[in-house]
């Protein structure tokens, strides 16, 4: 617990971090409750967060998962997105959203991104490289001029074909240096990798980057996809976003696809790729490298028959 008085200046997010620290101290002391007299100072909180993130990176407290992506024209799994999971106190992988949010706030996201790139490419290099892999990078990390040399060196060391890689820029609103972002995007394209914008459609920044960055793929944010079948506004937005991207020579993927009906709508709009629990849940990365049948079965109902065809 953390006491929060009327004169405290901490944000709600800060209080959650402090409460988590109190819970950690309670577990460490084998007690039921640990109470902080007041919210921590901004300096102390940031220092603790940075230390915790650095320890997690040094101790490899992460796991990589892969989620299949279906090519809607081929009706086959041709790609995988590599997803990070943070190992919890019991060693089990948990979703990393809060951890990554903190890492971005305290300026430690680059270390996490480098860990993901190096370990993902190591695993890809050990496989047959028959799929295409999409690796996430925070928009904030693009401000570091050393990122491109690091990625290029990792591709060489692990003997990965750059043409089987696409780097997804997440949190484009966090891009702090447009010049460095363009240098990374141009450099990564020159060595043969693809470039994607994640969570597309949720802000002006993402739309503006279509003009400034050499983008191959945009991923429509799941907020426009999950209720697509029942939402005429979402249908209008998705169809027009696809039309715009295709006019610019950019392919389109849809995230968070929930069912077959949505897949058929997306296919009708010309969406190139679909990703979501309907097309495949994330699995440990090593499992995704095993040979398997890379197709999905969809039920197609003929208008003049009650017979379903697979």
C-alpha atoms as a PDB file:
ATOM      1  CA  UNK A   1       0.000   0.000   0.000  1.00  0.00           C
ATOM      2  CA  UNK A   2       1.042   3.595  -0.548  1.00  0.00           C
ATOM      3  CA  UNK A   3      -0.512   6.582   1.189  1.00  0.00           C
ATOM      4  CA  UNK A   4      -1.705   9.266  -1.200  1.00  0.00           C
ATOM      5  CA  UNK A   5      -2.519  12.599   0.427  1.00  0.00           C
ATOM      6  CA  UNK A   6      -4.060  15.711  -1.125  1.00  0.00           C
ATOM      7  CA  UNK A   7      -0.632  17.356  -1.397  1.00  0.00           C
ATOM      8  CA  UNK A   8       0.965  14.459  -3.316  1.00  0.00           C
ATOM      9  CA  UNK A   9       2.081  15.186  -6.876  1.00  0.00           C
ATOM     10  CA  UNK A  10       2.457  11.591  -8.097  1.00  0.00           C
ATOM     11  CA  UNK A  11       0.338  10.441 -11.035  1.00  0.00           C
ATOM     12  CA  UNK A  12      -1.885   7.393 -10.979  1.00  0.00           C
ATOM     13  CA  UNK A  13       0.740   5.489 -12.946  1.00  0.00           C
ATOM     14  CA  UNK A  14       3.396   6.508 -10.386  1.00  0.00           C
ATOM     15  CA  UNK A  15       1.213   5.243  -7.538  1.00  0.00           C
ATOM     16  CA  UNK A  16       0.800   1.863  -9.223  1.00  0.00           C
ATOM     17  CA  UNK A  17       4.585   1.550  -9.511  1.00  0.00           C
ATOM     18  CA  UNK A  18       5.002   2.489  -5.843  1.00  0.00           C
ATOM     19  CA  UNK A  19       2.301   0.018  -4.798  1.00  0.00           C
ATOM     20  CA  UNK A  20       4.035  -2.704  -6.787  1.00  0.00           C
ATOM     21  CA  UNK A  21       7.277  -1.887  -4.982  1.00  0.00           C
ATOM     22  CA  UNK A  22       5.453  -2.117  -1.641  1.00  0.00           C
ATOM     23  CA  UNK A  23       4.051  -5.520  -2.618  1.00  0.00           C
ATOM     24  CA  UNK A  24       7.519  -6.684  -3.627  1.00  0.00           C
ATOM     25  CA  UNK A  25       8.946  -5.589  -0.286  1.00  0.00           C
ATOM     26  CA  UNK A  26       6.114  -7.379   1.540  1.00  0.00           C
ATOM     27  CA  UNK A  27       6.907 -10.630  -0.277  1.00  0.00           C
ATOM     28  CA  UNK A  28      10.609 -10.203   0.384  1.00  0.00           C
ATOM     29  CA  UNK A  29       9.929  -9.666   4.099  1.00  0.00           C
ATOM     30  CA  UNK A  30       7.389 -12.520   4.236  1.00  0.00           C
ATOM     31  CA  UNK A  31       4.738 -10.096   5.464  1.00  0.00           C
ATOM     32  CA  UNK A  32       1.166  -9.585   4.380  1.00  0.00           C
ATOM     33  CA  UNK A  33       1.345  -5.815   3.932  1.00  0.00           C
ATOM     34  CA  UNK A  34       4.004  -3.182   3.423  1.00  0.00           C
ATOM     35  CA  UNK A  35       2.882   0.441   3.705  1.00  0.00           C
ATOM     36  CA  UNK A  36       4.788   3.367   2.230  1.00  0.00           C
ATOM     37  CA  UNK A  37       4.288   6.563   4.187  1.00  0.00           C
ATOM     38  CA  UNK A  38       4.125   8.621   1.017  1.00  0.00           C
ATOM     39  CA  UNK A  39       4.726   8.263  -2.732  1.00  0.00           C
ATOM     40  CA  UNK A  40       8.384   7.952  -3.661  1.00  0.00           C
ATOM     41  CA  UNK A  41      10.248  10.889  -5.131  1.00  0.00           C
ATOM     42  CA  UNK A  42      10.371  11.021  -8.907  1.00  0.00           C
ATOM     43  CA  UNK A  43      14.153  10.509  -8.833  1.00  0.00           C
ATOM     44  CA  UNK A  44      13.982   7.447  -6.568  1.00  0.00           C
ATOM     45  CA  UNK A  45      11.124   5.904  -8.525  1.00  0.00           C
ATOM     46  CA  UNK A  46      12.924   6.314 -11.850  1.00  0.00           C
ATOM     47  CA  UNK A  47      16.156   4.897 -10.409  1.00  0.00           C
ATOM     48  CA  UNK A  48      14.345   1.812  -9.059  1.00  0.00           C
ATOM     49  CA  UNK A  49      12.545   1.237 -12.343  1.00  0.00           C
ATOM     50  CA  UNK A  50      15.748   1.521 -14.349  1.00  0.00           C
ATOM     51  CA  UNK A  51      17.548  -0.864 -12.018  1.00  0.00           C
ATOM     52  CA  UNK A  52      14.719  -3.409 -12.231  1.00  0.00           C
ATOM     53  CA  UNK A  53      14.623  -3.293 -16.034  1.00  0.00           C
ATOM     54  CA  UNK A  54      18.395  -3.608 -16.338  1.00  0.00           C
ATOM     55  CA  UNK A  55      18.381  -6.617 -14.008  1.00  0.00           C
ATOM     56  CA  UNK A  56      15.635  -8.252 -16.061  1.00  0.00           C
ATOM     57  CA  UNK A  57      17.617  -7.761 -19.289  1.00  0.00           C
ATOM     58  CA  UNK A  58      20.859  -9.016 -17.717  1.00  0.00           C
ATOM     59  CA  UNK A  59      19.118 -12.089 -16.278  1.00  0.00           C
ATOM     60  CA  UNK A  60      17.227 -12.904 -19.520  1.00  0.00           C
ATOM     61  CA  UNK A  61      13.899 -12.736 -17.703  1.00  0.00           C
ATOM     62  CA  UNK A  62      12.083 -12.797 -21.028  1.00  0.00           C
ATOM     63  CA  UNK A  63      10.567 -15.295 -23.436  1.00  0.00           C
ATOM     64  CA  UNK A  64       9.828 -14.951 -27.127  1.00  0.00           C
ATOM     65  CA  UNK A  65       6.539 -16.099 -28.616  1.00  0.00           C
ATOM     66  CA  UNK A  66       5.419 -16.157 -32.242  1.00  0.00           C
ATOM     67  CA  UNK A  67       1.926 -15.500 -33.574  1.00  0.00           C
ATOM     68  CA  UNK A  68       1.025 -16.676 -37.091  1.00  0.00           C
ATOM     69  CA  UNK A  69      -0.105 -14.230 -39.760  1.00  0.00           C
ATOM     70  CA  UNK A  70      -2.253 -15.448 -42.640  1.00  0.00           C
ATOM     71  CA  UNK A  71      -1.873 -14.283 -46.231  1.00  0.00           C
ATOM     72  CA  UNK A  72      -5.529 -13.821 -47.210  1.00  0.00           C
ATOM     73  CA  UNK A  73      -4.884 -14.267 -50.939  1.00  0.00           C
ATOM     74  CA  UNK A  74      -3.120 -17.601 -50.407  1.00  0.00           C
ATOM     75  CA  UNK A  75      -5.094 -18.632 -47.305  1.00  0.00           C
ATOM     76  CA  UNK A  76      -1.769 -19.743 -45.822  1.00  0.00           C
ATOM     77  CA  UNK A  77       0.372 -18.812 -42.840  1.00  0.00           C
ATOM     78  CA  UNK A  78       3.339 -17.068 -44.410  1.00  0.00           C
ATOM     79  CA  UNK A  79       4.492 -14.818 -41.546  1.00  0.00           C
ATOM     80  CA  UNK A  80       4.919 -14.711 -37.785  1.00  0.00           C
ATOM     81  CA  UNK A  81       5.067 -11.747 -35.440  1.00  0.00           C
ATOM     82  CA  UNK A  82       7.604 -12.171 -32.655  1.00  0.00           C
ATOM     83  CA  UNK A  83       6.129 -11.171 -29.299  1.00  0.00           C
ATOM     84  CA  UNK A  84       7.880 -10.528 -26.002  1.00  0.00           C
ATOM     85  CA  UNK A  85       6.742 -12.057 -22.725  1.00  0.00           C
ATOM     86  CA  UNK A  86       8.201 -11.132 -19.343  1.00  0.00           C
ATOM     87  CA  UNK A  87       8.738 -13.962 -16.880  1.00  0.00           C
ATOM     88  CA  UNK A  88       6.798 -13.459 -13.653  1.00  0.00           C
ATOM     89  CA  UNK A  89       7.944 -14.244 -10.139  1.00  0.00           C
ATOM     90  CA  UNK A  90       7.068 -17.924 -10.643  1.00  0.00           C
ATOM     91  CA  UNK A  91       8.939 -18.064 -13.951  1.00  0.00           C
ATOM     92  CA  UNK A  92       5.751 -18.118 -16.039  1.00  0.00           C
ATOM     93  CA  UNK A  93       5.540 -15.747 -19.037  1.00  0.00           C
ATOM     94  CA  UNK A  94       3.136 -12.822 -18.683  1.00  0.00           C
ATOM     95  CA  UNK A  95       2.038 -10.064 -21.056  1.00  0.00           C
ATOM     96  CA  UNK A  96       4.663  -7.306 -21.103  1.00  0.00           C
ATOM     97  CA  UNK A  97       2.536  -4.171 -21.516  1.00  0.00           C
ATOM     98  CA  UNK A  98       3.166  -2.619 -18.095  1.00  0.00           C
ATOM     99  CA  UNK A  99       6.857  -3.543 -18.165  1.00  0.00           C
ATOM    100  CA  UNK A 100       7.362  -2.013 -21.616  1.00  0.00           C
ATOM    101  CA  UNK A 101       5.400   1.085 -20.652  1.00  0.00           C
ATOM    102  CA  UNK A 102       7.704   1.646 -17.694  1.00  0.00           C
ATOM    103  CA  UNK A 103      10.789   0.953 -19.842  1.00  0.00           C
ATOM    104  CA  UNK A 104       9.707   3.632 -22.309  1.00  0.00           C
ATOM    105  CA  UNK A 105       8.947   6.151 -19.568  1.00  0.00           C
ATOM    106  CA  UNK A 106      12.351   5.800 -17.889  1.00  0.00           C
ATOM    107  CA  UNK A 107      14.414   5.562 -21.082  1.00  0.00           C
ATOM    108  CA  UNK A 108      15.354   1.870 -20.909  1.00  0.00           C
ATOM    109  CA  UNK A 109      13.353   0.543 -23.872  1.00  0.00           C
ATOM    110  CA  UNK A 110      16.389   0.426 -26.165  1.00  0.00           C
ATOM    111  CA  UNK A 111      18.034  -2.268 -24.012  1.00  0.00           C
ATOM    112  CA  UNK A 112      14.861  -4.359 -24.204  1.00  0.00           C
ATOM    113  CA  UNK A 113      14.583  -3.889 -27.981  1.00  0.00           C
ATOM    114  CA  UNK A 114      18.205  -4.933 -28.440  1.00  0.00           C
ATOM    115  CA  UNK A 115      17.590  -8.073 -26.360  1.00  0.00           C
ATOM    116  CA  UNK A 116      14.591  -8.968 -28.525  1.00  0.00           C
ATOM    117  CA  UNK A 117      16.440  -8.370 -31.803  1.00  0.00           C
ATOM    118  CA  UNK A 118      19.508 -10.394 -30.810  1.00  0.00           C
ATOM    119  CA  UNK A 119      17.619 -13.369 -29.342  1.00  0.00           C
ATOM    120  CA  UNK A 120      14.994 -13.434 -32.092  1.00  0.00           C
ATOM    121  CA  UNK A 121      17.622 -13.432 -34.841  1.00  0.00           C
ATOM    122  CA  UNK A 122      19.569 -16.130 -33.019  1.00  0.00           C
ATOM    123  CA  UNK A 123      16.499 -18.401 -33.060  1.00  0.00           C
ATOM    124  CA  UNK A 124      15.622 -17.529 -36.653  1.00  0.00           C
ATOM    125  CA  UNK A 125      19.188 -18.332 -37.714  1.00  0.00           C
ATOM    126  CA  UNK A 126      18.882 -21.792 -36.159  1.00  0.00           C
ATOM    127  CA  UNK A 127      15.780 -22.612 -38.231  1.00  0.00           C
ATOM    128  CA  UNK A 128      15.089 -23.211 -41.899  1.00  0.00           C
ATOM    129  CA  UNK A 129      14.007 -19.576 -42.445  1.00  0.00           C
ATOM    130  CA  UNK A 130      10.973 -20.643 -44.453  1.00  0.00           C
ATOM    131  CA  UNK A 131       8.666 -18.063 -42.863  1.00  0.00           C
ATOM    132  CA  UNK A 132       8.776 -14.268 -42.733  1.00  0.00           C
ATOM    133  CA  UNK A 133       9.299 -12.753 -39.281  1.00  0.00           C
ATOM    134  CA  UNK A 134       8.102  -9.399 -37.951  1.00  0.00           C
ATOM    135  CA  UNK A 135      10.063  -7.924 -35.031  1.00  0.00           C
ATOM    136  CA  UNK A 136       8.809  -4.985 -32.952  1.00  0.00           C
ATOM    137  CA  UNK A 137      10.877  -1.894 -32.220  1.00  0.00           C
ATOM    138  CA  UNK A 138       9.695   1.022 -30.104  1.00  0.00           C
ATOM    139  CA  UNK A 139       9.516   4.358 -31.892  1.00  0.00           C
ATOM    140  CA  UNK A 140      11.605   5.730 -29.049  1.00  0.00           C
ATOM    141  CA  UNK A 141      14.504   3.379 -29.851  1.00  0.00           C
ATOM    142  CA  UNK A 142      14.790   4.790 -33.363  1.00  0.00           C
ATOM    143  CA  UNK A 143      16.401   7.930 -31.904  1.00  0.00           C
ATOM    144  CA  UNK A 144      19.560   5.940 -31.142  1.00  0.00           C
ATOM    145  CA  UNK A 145      22.032   6.115 -34.063  1.00  0.00           C
ATOM    146  CA  UNK A 146      23.586   2.838 -32.906  1.00  0.00           C
ATOM    147  CA  UNK A 147      20.420   0.812 -33.499  1.00  0.00           C
ATOM    148  CA  UNK A 148      20.946   0.261 -37.231  1.00  0.00           C
ATOM    149  CA  UNK A 149      24.562  -0.975 -36.856  1.00  0.00           C
ATOM    150  CA  UNK A 150      23.429  -3.250 -34.015  1.00  0.00           C
ATOM    151  CA  UNK A 151      20.636  -4.792 -36.118  1.00  0.00           C
ATOM    152  CA  UNK A 152      22.879  -5.144 -39.175  1.00  0.00           C
ATOM    153  CA  UNK A 153      25.592  -6.852 -37.129  1.00  0.00           C
ATOM    154  CA  UNK A 154      23.082  -9.228 -35.489  1.00  0.00           C
ATOM    155  CA  UNK A 155      21.707 -10.241 -38.894  1.00  0.00           C
ATOM    156  CA  UNK A 156      25.241 -11.014 -40.070  1.00  0.00           C
ATOM    157  CA  UNK A 157      26.301 -12.858 -36.894  1.00  0.00           C
ATOM    158  CA  UNK A 158      23.255 -15.108 -36.832  1.00  0.00           C
ATOM    159  CA  UNK A 159      23.295 -15.673 -40.608  1.00  0.00           C
ATOM    160  CA  UNK A 160      19.718 -14.580 -41.168  1.00  0.00           C
ATOM    161  CA  UNK A 161      18.408 -13.739 -44.625  1.00  0.00           C
ATOM    162  CA  UNK A 162      17.366 -10.069 -44.278  1.00  0.00           C
ATOM    163  CA  UNK A 163      14.606 -10.569 -46.843  1.00  0.00           C
ATOM    164  CA  UNK A 164      12.732 -12.772 -44.367  1.00  0.00           C
ATOM    165  CA  UNK A 165      12.556  -9.923 -41.814  1.00  0.00           C
ATOM    166  CA  UNK A 166      10.247  -6.963 -41.280  1.00  0.00           C
ATOM    167  CA  UNK A 167      10.738  -4.510 -38.441  1.00  0.00           C
ATOM    168  CA  UNK A 168       7.525  -3.125 -36.966  1.00  0.00           C
ATOM    169  CA  UNK A 169       7.684   0.347 -35.490  1.00  0.00           C
ATOM    170  CA  UNK A 170       5.396   0.497 -32.464  1.00  0.00           C
ATOM    171  CA  UNK A 171       4.360   3.640 -30.582  1.00  0.00           C
ATOM    172  CA  UNK A 172       5.121   5.930 -33.530  1.00  0.00           C
ATOM    173  CA  UNK A 173       4.040   8.888 -31.404  1.00  0.00           C
ATOM    174  CA  UNK A 174       7.221   8.313 -29.364  1.00  0.00           C
ATOM    175  CA  UNK A 175       9.549   8.909 -32.310  1.00  0.00           C
ATOM    176  CA  UNK A 176      11.745  11.699 -30.955  1.00  0.00           C
ATOM    177  CA  UNK A 177      14.085  12.270 -33.888  1.00  0.00           C
ATOM    178  CA  UNK A 178      12.571  12.084 -37.358  1.00  0.00           C
ATOM    179  CA  UNK A 179      16.011  12.318 -38.990  1.00  0.00           C
ATOM    180  CA  UNK A 180      17.330   9.266 -37.107  1.00  0.00           C
ATOM    181  CA  UNK A 181      14.053   7.404 -37.730  1.00  0.00           C
ATOM    182  CA  UNK A 182      14.396   8.015 -41.463  1.00  0.00           C
ATOM    183  CA  UNK A 183      18.049   6.938 -41.382  1.00  0.00           C
ATOM    184  CA  UNK A 184      17.086   3.663 -39.683  1.00  0.00           C
ATOM    185  CA  UNK A 185      14.169   3.055 -42.055  1.00  0.00           C
ATOM    186  CA  UNK A 186      16.274   3.757 -45.134  1.00  0.00           C
ATOM    187  CA  UNK A 187      19.177   1.650 -43.880  1.00  0.00           C
ATOM    188  CA  UNK A 188      17.027  -1.318 -42.971  1.00  0.00           C
ATOM    189  CA  UNK A 189      15.402  -1.236 -46.400  1.00  0.00           C
ATOM    190  CA  UNK A 190      18.797  -1.046 -48.120  1.00  0.00           C
ATOM    191  CA  UNK A 191      19.965  -4.320 -46.573  1.00  0.00           C
ATOM    192  CA  UNK A 192      16.765  -6.072 -47.709  1.00  0.00           C
ATOM    193  CA  UNK A 193      14.465  -5.953 -44.661  1.00  0.00           C
ATOM    194  CA  UNK A 194      10.893  -4.681 -44.678  1.00  0.00           C
ATOM    195  CA  UNK A 195       9.425  -1.859 -42.588  1.00  0.00           C
ATOM    196  CA  UNK A 196       5.953  -1.827 -41.010  1.00  0.00           C
ATOM    197  CA  UNK A 197       3.914   0.628 -38.948  1.00  0.00           C
ATOM    198  CA  UNK A 198       2.016  -0.997 -36.076  1.00  0.00           C
ATOM    199  CA  UNK A 199      -1.352   0.126 -34.624  1.00  0.00           C
ATOM    200  CA  UNK A 200      -2.130   2.154 -37.738  1.00  0.00           C
ATOM    201  CA  UNK A 201      -5.125   4.469 -37.848  1.00  0.00           C
ATOM    202  CA  UNK A 202      -5.195   5.684 -34.247  1.00  0.00           C
ATOM    203  CA  UNK A 203      -3.460   9.023 -34.723  1.00  0.00           C
ATOM    204  CA  UNK A 204      -2.226  11.648 -37.137  1.00  0.00           C
ATOM    205  CA  UNK A 205       1.395  10.728 -36.531  1.00  0.00           C
ATOM    206  CA  UNK A 206       1.019   7.282 -38.087  1.00  0.00           C
ATOM    207  CA  UNK A 207      -0.658   8.754 -41.158  1.00  0.00           C
ATOM    208  CA  UNK A 208       2.060  11.375 -41.550  1.00  0.00           C
ATOM    209  CA  UNK A 209       4.785   8.725 -41.438  1.00  0.00           C
ATOM    210  CA  UNK A 210       3.398   7.154 -44.612  1.00  0.00           C
ATOM    211  CA  UNK A 211       4.726  10.266 -46.308  1.00  0.00           C
ATOM    212  CA  UNK A 212       8.105  10.392 -44.580  1.00  0.00           C
ATOM    213  CA  UNK A 213       9.132   6.744 -44.113  1.00  0.00           C
ATOM    214  CA  UNK A 214       9.644   4.012 -46.769  1.00  0.00           C
ATOM    215  CA  UNK A 215       6.926   1.749 -45.385  1.00  0.00           C
ATOM    216  CA  UNK A 216       6.131  -1.703 -46.856  1.00  0.00           C
ATOM    217  CA  UNK A 217       3.280  -2.683 -44.544  1.00  0.00           C
ATOM    218  CA  UNK A 218       0.787  -1.077 -42.168  1.00  0.00           C
ATOM    219  CA  UNK A 219      -1.092  -2.970 -39.490  1.00  0.00           C
ATOM    220  CA  UNK A 220      -4.573  -1.622 -38.853  1.00  0.00           C
ATOM    221  CA  UNK A 221      -5.158  -1.221 -35.142  1.00  0.00           C
ATOM    222  CA  UNK A 222      -7.384  -3.888 -33.624  1.00  0.00           C
ATOM    223  CA  UNK A 223      -9.803  -1.259 -32.306  1.00  0.00           C
ATOM    224  CA  UNK A 224     -11.135  -0.998 -35.883  1.00  0.00           C
ATOM    225  CA  UNK A 225     -11.231  -4.783 -36.414  1.00  0.00           C
ATOM    226  CA  UNK A 226     -12.711  -6.477 -33.351  1.00  0.00           C
ATOM    227  CA  UNK A 227     -16.257  -5.200 -34.024  1.00  0.00           C
ATOM    228  CA  UNK A 228     -15.941  -4.838 -37.794  1.00  0.00           C
ATOM    229  CA  UNK A 229     -18.947  -7.034 -38.634  1.00  0.00           C
ATOM    230  CA  UNK A 230     -21.357  -4.873 -36.621  1.00  0.00           C
ATOM    231  CA  UNK A 231     -19.832  -1.423 -37.056  1.00  0.00           C
ATOM    232  CA  UNK A 232     -20.497   0.561 -40.278  1.00  0.00           C
ATOM    233  CA  UNK A 233     -18.039   3.300 -39.162  1.00  0.00           C
ATOM    234  CA  UNK A 234     -15.272   0.701 -38.737  1.00  0.00           C
ATOM    235  CA  UNK A 235     -16.157  -0.803 -42.100  1.00  0.00           C
ATOM    236  CA  UNK A 236     -15.888   2.600 -43.797  1.00  0.00           C
ATOM    237  CA  UNK A 237     -12.592   3.420 -42.097  1.00  0.00           C
ATOM    238  CA  UNK A 238     -10.960   0.066 -42.801  1.00  0.00           C
ATOM    239  CA  UNK A 239     -12.014   0.003 -46.450  1.00  0.00           C
ATOM    240  CA  UNK A 240     -10.683   3.530 -47.029  1.00  0.00           C
ATOM    241  CA  UNK A 241      -7.428   2.877 -45.157  1.00  0.00           C
ATOM    242  CA  UNK A 242      -6.821  -0.149 -47.357  1.00  0.00           C
ATOM    243  CA  UNK A 243      -7.592   1.869 -50.481  1.00  0.00           C
ATOM    244  CA  UNK A 244      -5.192   4.633 -49.389  1.00  0.00           C
ATOM    245  CA  UNK A 245      -2.363   2.254 -48.576  1.00  0.00           C
ATOM    246  CA  UNK A 246      -2.707   0.307 -51.797  1.00  0.00           C
ATOM    247  CA  UNK A 247      -2.602   3.549 -53.776  1.00  0.00           C
ATOM    248  CA  UNK A 248       0.760   4.179 -52.107  1.00  0.00           C
ATOM    249  CA  UNK A 249       1.988   0.662 -52.878  1.00  0.00           C
ATOM    250  CA  UNK A 250       1.790  -0.426 -49.238  1.00  0.00           C
ATOM    251  CA  UNK A 251       0.350  -3.750 -48.102  1.00  0.00           C
ATOM    252  CA  UNK A 252      -2.102  -3.966 -45.206  1.00  0.00           C
ATOM    253  CA  UNK A 253      -2.511  -6.329 -42.255  1.00  0.00           C
ATOM    254  CA  UNK A 254      -5.402  -6.423 -39.782  1.00  0.00           C
ATOM    255  CA  UNK A 255      -4.825  -7.199 -36.103  1.00  0.00           C
ATOM    256  CA  UNK A 256      -7.107  -8.818 -33.515  1.00  0.00           C
ATOM    257  CA  UNK A 257      -9.201 -10.713 -36.071  1.00  0.00           C
ATOM    258  CA  UNK A 258     -11.901 -12.510 -34.044  1.00  0.00           C
ATOM    259  CA  UNK A 259     -13.829 -14.759 -36.462  1.00  0.00           C
ATOM    260  CA  UNK A 260     -14.361 -16.100 -39.987  1.00  0.00           C
ATOM    261  CA  UNK A 261     -16.949 -13.466 -40.901  1.00  0.00           C
ATOM    262  CA  UNK A 262     -14.449 -10.709 -40.181  1.00  0.00           C
ATOM    263  CA  UNK A 263     -11.834 -12.495 -42.277  1.00  0.00           C
ATOM    264  CA  UNK A 264     -14.221 -12.558 -45.230  1.00  0.00           C
ATOM    265  CA  UNK A 265     -14.954  -8.840 -44.825  1.00  0.00           C
ATOM    266  CA  UNK A 266     -11.243  -8.053 -44.700  1.00  0.00           C
ATOM    267  CA  UNK A 267     -10.639 -10.148 -47.797  1.00  0.00           C
ATOM    268  CA  UNK A 268     -13.424  -8.294 -49.604  1.00  0.00           C
ATOM    269  CA  UNK A 269     -11.806  -4.959 -48.698  1.00  0.00           C
ATOM    270  CA  UNK A 270      -8.485  -6.153 -50.115  1.00  0.00           C
ATOM    271  CA  UNK A 271      -6.608  -6.580 -46.817  1.00  0.00           C
ATOM    272  CA  UNK A 272      -3.466  -8.599 -47.458  1.00  0.00           C
ATOM    273  CA  UNK A 273      -2.838 -10.253 -44.071  1.00  0.00           C
ATOM    274  CA  UNK A 274      -4.887 -11.234 -41.025  1.00  0.00           C
ATOM    275  CA  UNK A 275      -3.675 -11.816 -37.489  1.00  0.00           C
ATOM    276  CA  UNK A 276      -5.579 -12.713 -34.355  1.00  0.00           C
ATOM    277  CA  UNK A 277      -6.771 -15.558 -32.166  1.00  0.00           C
ATOM    278  CA  UNK A 278      -8.935 -16.900 -35.014  1.00  0.00           C
ATOM    279  CA  UNK A 279      -5.898 -17.365 -37.264  1.00  0.00           C
ATOM    280  CA  UNK A 280      -3.587 -18.556 -34.507  1.00  0.00           C
ATOM    281  CA  UNK A 281      -2.598 -17.857 -30.923  1.00  0.00           C
ATOM    282  CA  UNK A 282       0.972 -17.020 -29.910  1.00  0.00           C
ATOM    283  CA  UNK A 283       3.138 -20.049 -29.180  1.00  0.00           C
ATOM    284  CA  UNK A 284       6.710 -20.315 -27.840  1.00  0.00           C
ATOM    285  CA  UNK A 285       9.013 -19.219 -30.624  1.00  0.00           C
ATOM    286  CA  UNK A 286      10.836 -22.557 -30.796  1.00  0.00           C
ATOM    287  CA  UNK A 287       7.524 -24.311 -31.515  1.00  0.00           C
ATOM    288  CA  UNK A 288       6.839 -21.965 -34.439  1.00  0.00           C
ATOM    289  CA  UNK A 289      10.064 -23.128 -36.105  1.00  0.00           C
ATOM    290  CA  UNK A 290       8.868 -26.741 -36.283  1.00  0.00           C
ATOM    291  CA  UNK A 291       7.595 -27.935 -39.703  1.00  0.00           C
ATOM    292  CA  UNK A 292       3.806 -27.923 -39.897  1.00  0.00           C
ATOM    293  CA  UNK A 293       0.881 -27.464 -42.237  1.00  0.00           C
ATOM    294  CA  UNK A 294       0.749 -23.698 -42.792  1.00  0.00           C
ATOM    295  CA  UNK A 295      -2.882 -23.326 -43.786  1.00  0.00           C
ATOM    296  CA  UNK A 296      -6.096 -22.556 -41.965  1.00  0.00           C
ATOM    297  CA  UNK A 297      -9.523 -24.005 -42.479  1.00  0.00           C
ATOM    298  CA  UNK A 298     -12.428 -21.626 -43.033  1.00  0.00           C
ATOM    299  CA  UNK A 299     -16.055 -22.553 -43.536  1.00  0.00           C
ATOM    300  CA  UNK A 300     -17.492 -21.154 -46.776  1.00  0.00           C
ATOM    301  CA  UNK A 301     -21.282 -21.355 -47.119  1.00  0.00           C
ATOM    302  CA  UNK A 302     -22.718 -21.540 -50.634  1.00  0.00           C
ATOM    303  CA  UNK A 303     -25.806 -19.361 -51.065  1.00  0.00           C
ATOM    304  CA  UNK A 304     -27.801 -22.198 -52.639  1.00  0.00           C
ATOM    305  CA  UNK A 305     -26.714 -24.958 -50.290  1.00  0.00           C
ATOM    306  CA  UNK A 306     -26.629 -25.800 -46.626  1.00  0.00           C
ATOM    307  CA  UNK A 307     -23.431 -27.742 -47.085  1.00  0.00           C
ATOM    308  CA  UNK A 308     -20.279 -26.209 -45.624  1.00  0.00           C
ATOM    309  CA  UNK A 309     -17.104 -26.511 -47.615  1.00  0.00           C
ATOM    310  CA  UNK A 310     -13.679 -26.506 -45.865  1.00  0.00           C
END
